[in-house]
Amino acid sequence: MSDSGEHIDPREAMKRELADNLADLEIYRMPFGRYQQRKLHTLPYEYLHWFIEKGGGFPSGRLGELMEFVYHIKASGSEEIFARLGRG
């Protein structure tokens, strides 16, 4: 709840978070490594999984948050959510 006593609908909060993530995925690109300059949503699942298995986790900050988001979407088979973002 906010200080004004308003109730925040969890569904609306989730929609807002999803919209923010998708908007950022249109901008963010991988800044390093084998897939440097590729859009994060185009990174292979196996590469993202490597960060968890052998890489010690995702980077800190917004980059890591978005990589983790993409990883979970791909792991659940819901990649169609990225259809409007384009390739590259």
C-alpha atoms as a PDB file:
ATOM      1  CA  MET A   1       0.000   0.000   0.000  1.00  0.00           C
ATOM      2  CA  SER A   2       1.095   3.523  -0.629  1.00  0.00           C
ATOM      3  CA  ASP A   3       1.103   6.284   1.952  1.00  0.00           C
ATOM      4  CA  SER A   4      -2.191   7.642   0.604  1.00  0.00           C
ATOM      5  CA  GLY A   5      -3.938   4.367   1.449  1.00  0.00           C
ATOM      6  CA  GLU A   6      -4.452   3.371  -2.178  1.00  0.00           C
ATOM      7  CA  HIS A   7      -4.558  -0.320  -2.994  1.00  0.00           C
ATOM      8  CA  ILE A   8      -2.212  -1.375  -5.776  1.00  0.00           C
ATOM      9  CA  ASP A   9      -3.661  -4.135  -7.925  1.00  0.00           C
ATOM     10  CA  PRO A  10      -0.993  -6.867  -8.254  1.00  0.00           C
ATOM     11  CA  ARG A  11      -2.105  -7.589 -11.825  1.00  0.00           C
ATOM     12  CA  GLU A  12      -1.554  -3.976 -12.796  1.00  0.00           C
ATOM     13  CA  ALA A  13       1.858  -3.992 -11.130  1.00  0.00           C
ATOM     14  CA  MET A  14       2.808  -7.131 -13.078  1.00  0.00           C
ATOM     15  CA  LYS A  15       1.591  -5.594 -16.348  1.00  0.00           C
ATOM     16  CA  ARG A  16       3.645  -2.468 -15.653  1.00  0.00           C
ATOM     17  CA  GLU A  17       6.746  -4.526 -14.865  1.00  0.00           C
ATOM     18  CA  LEU A  18       6.302  -6.604 -18.020  1.00  0.00           C
ATOM     19  CA  ALA A  19       5.851  -3.468 -20.137  1.00  0.00           C
ATOM     20  CA  ASP A  20       8.986  -1.928 -18.581  1.00  0.00           C
ATOM     21  CA  ASN A  21      11.005  -5.083 -19.240  1.00  0.00           C
ATOM     22  CA  LEU A  22       9.867  -5.330 -22.851  1.00  0.00           C
ATOM     23  CA  ALA A  23      10.579  -1.633 -23.436  1.00  0.00           C
ATOM     24  CA  ASP A  24      14.095  -2.030 -22.029  1.00  0.00           C
ATOM     25  CA  LEU A  25      14.684  -5.170 -24.107  1.00  0.00           C
ATOM     26  CA  GLU A  26      14.162  -3.055 -27.240  1.00  0.00           C
ATOM     27  CA  ILE A  27      17.116  -0.903 -26.165  1.00  0.00           C
ATOM     28  CA  TYR A  28      19.565  -3.082 -24.206  1.00  0.00           C
ATOM     29  CA  ARG A  29      22.251  -5.051 -26.002  1.00  0.00           C
ATOM     30  CA  MET A  30      24.791  -7.499 -24.657  1.00  0.00           C
ATOM     31  CA  PRO A  31      27.799  -5.312 -23.782  1.00  0.00           C
ATOM     32  CA  PHE A  32      30.451  -8.047 -23.704  1.00  0.00           C
ATOM     33  CA  GLY A  33      31.402 -11.573 -24.657  1.00  0.00           C
ATOM     34  CA  ARG A  34      30.586 -13.879 -27.508  1.00  0.00           C
ATOM     35  CA  TYR A  35      27.233 -12.230 -28.211  1.00  0.00           C
ATOM     36  CA  GLN A  36      28.362  -8.617 -27.834  1.00  0.00           C
ATOM     37  CA  GLN A  37      25.908  -6.091 -29.338  1.00  0.00           C
ATOM     38  CA  ARG A  38      23.068  -8.629 -29.706  1.00  0.00           C
ATOM     39  CA  LYS A  39      19.671  -7.788 -28.276  1.00  0.00           C
ATOM     40  CA  LEU A  40      19.236  -9.608 -24.980  1.00  0.00           C
ATOM     41  CA  HIS A  41      16.082 -11.457 -26.003  1.00  0.00           C
ATOM     42  CA  THR A  42      18.001 -13.080 -28.887  1.00  0.00           C
ATOM     43  CA  LEU A  43      20.655 -14.623 -26.639  1.00  0.00           C
ATOM     44  CA  PRO A  44      20.576 -18.428 -26.719  1.00  0.00           C
ATOM     45  CA  TYR A  45      19.053 -20.162 -23.722  1.00  0.00           C
ATOM     46  CA  GLU A  46      22.248 -22.190 -23.276  1.00  0.00           C
ATOM     47  CA  TYR A  47      24.325 -19.015 -22.989  1.00  0.00           C
ATOM     48  CA  LEU A  48      21.989 -17.571 -20.368  1.00  0.00           C
ATOM     49  CA  HIS A  49      21.978 -20.871 -18.503  1.00  0.00           C
ATOM     50  CA  TRP A  50      25.794 -20.820 -18.413  1.00  0.00           C
ATOM     51  CA  PHE A  51      25.656 -17.707 -16.210  1.00  0.00           C
ATOM     52  CA  ILE A  52      23.741 -19.711 -13.604  1.00  0.00           C
ATOM     53  CA  GLU A  53      25.671 -22.984 -13.924  1.00  0.00           C
ATOM     54  CA  LYS A  54      29.257 -21.794 -14.288  1.00  0.00           C
ATOM     55  CA  GLY A  55      29.340 -18.018 -14.375  1.00  0.00           C
ATOM     56  CA  GLY A  56      28.336 -17.301 -10.793  1.00  0.00           C
ATOM     57  CA  GLY A  57      25.014 -15.718 -11.729  1.00  0.00           C
ATOM     58  CA  PHE A  58      23.886 -12.836 -13.864  1.00  0.00           C
ATOM     59  CA  PRO A  59      25.634  -9.456 -13.799  1.00  0.00           C
ATOM     60  CA  SER A  60      24.398  -6.887 -11.308  1.00  0.00           C
ATOM     61  CA  GLY A  61      22.075  -4.058 -12.201  1.00  0.00           C
ATOM     62  CA  ARG A  62      19.457  -3.716 -14.893  1.00  0.00           C
ATOM     63  CA  LEU A  63      21.470  -5.807 -17.370  1.00  0.00           C
ATOM     64  CA  GLY A  64      21.379  -8.804 -15.040  1.00  0.00           C
ATOM     65  CA  GLU A  65      17.685  -8.293 -14.253  1.00  0.00           C
ATOM     66  CA  LEU A  66      16.831  -8.335 -17.945  1.00  0.00           C
ATOM     67  CA  MET A  67      19.046 -11.339 -18.648  1.00  0.00           C
ATOM     68  CA  GLU A  68      17.339 -13.232 -15.830  1.00  0.00           C
ATOM     69  CA  PHE A  69      13.920 -12.211 -17.162  1.00  0.00           C
ATOM     70  CA  VAL A  70      14.825 -13.488 -20.649  1.00  0.00           C
ATOM     71  CA  TYR A  71      16.234 -16.697 -19.163  1.00  0.00           C
ATOM     72  CA  HIS A  72      13.015 -17.473 -17.276  1.00  0.00           C
ATOM     73  CA  ILE A  73      10.819 -16.648 -20.261  1.00  0.00           C
ATOM     74  CA  LYS A  74      12.868 -18.970 -22.472  1.00  0.00           C
ATOM     75  CA  ALA A  75      12.972 -21.706 -19.807  1.00  0.00           C
ATOM     76  CA  SER A  76       9.172 -21.670 -19.610  1.00  0.00           C
ATOM     77  CA  GLY A  77       8.758 -21.830 -23.394  1.00  0.00           C
ATOM     78  CA  SER A  78       7.058 -18.436 -23.568  1.00  0.00           C
ATOM     79  CA  GLU A  79       9.354 -16.829 -26.141  1.00  0.00           C
ATOM     80  CA  GLU A  80       6.412 -15.631 -28.230  1.00  0.00           C
ATOM     81  CA  ILE A  81       6.322 -12.686 -25.833  1.00  0.00           C
ATOM     82  CA  PHE A  82       9.402 -11.380 -27.678  1.00  0.00           C
ATOM     83  CA  ALA A  83       7.800 -11.528 -31.155  1.00  0.00           C
ATOM     84  CA  ARG A  84       7.208  -7.796 -31.414  1.00  0.00           C
ATOM     85  CA  LEU A  85      10.786  -6.908 -30.461  1.00  0.00           C
ATOM     86  CA  GLY A  86      12.482  -7.943 -33.680  1.00  0.00           C
ATOM     87  CA  ARG A  87      15.822  -9.662 -34.172  1.00  0.00           C
ATOM     88  CA  GLY A  88      19.375  -8.450 -33.876  1.00  0.00           C
END
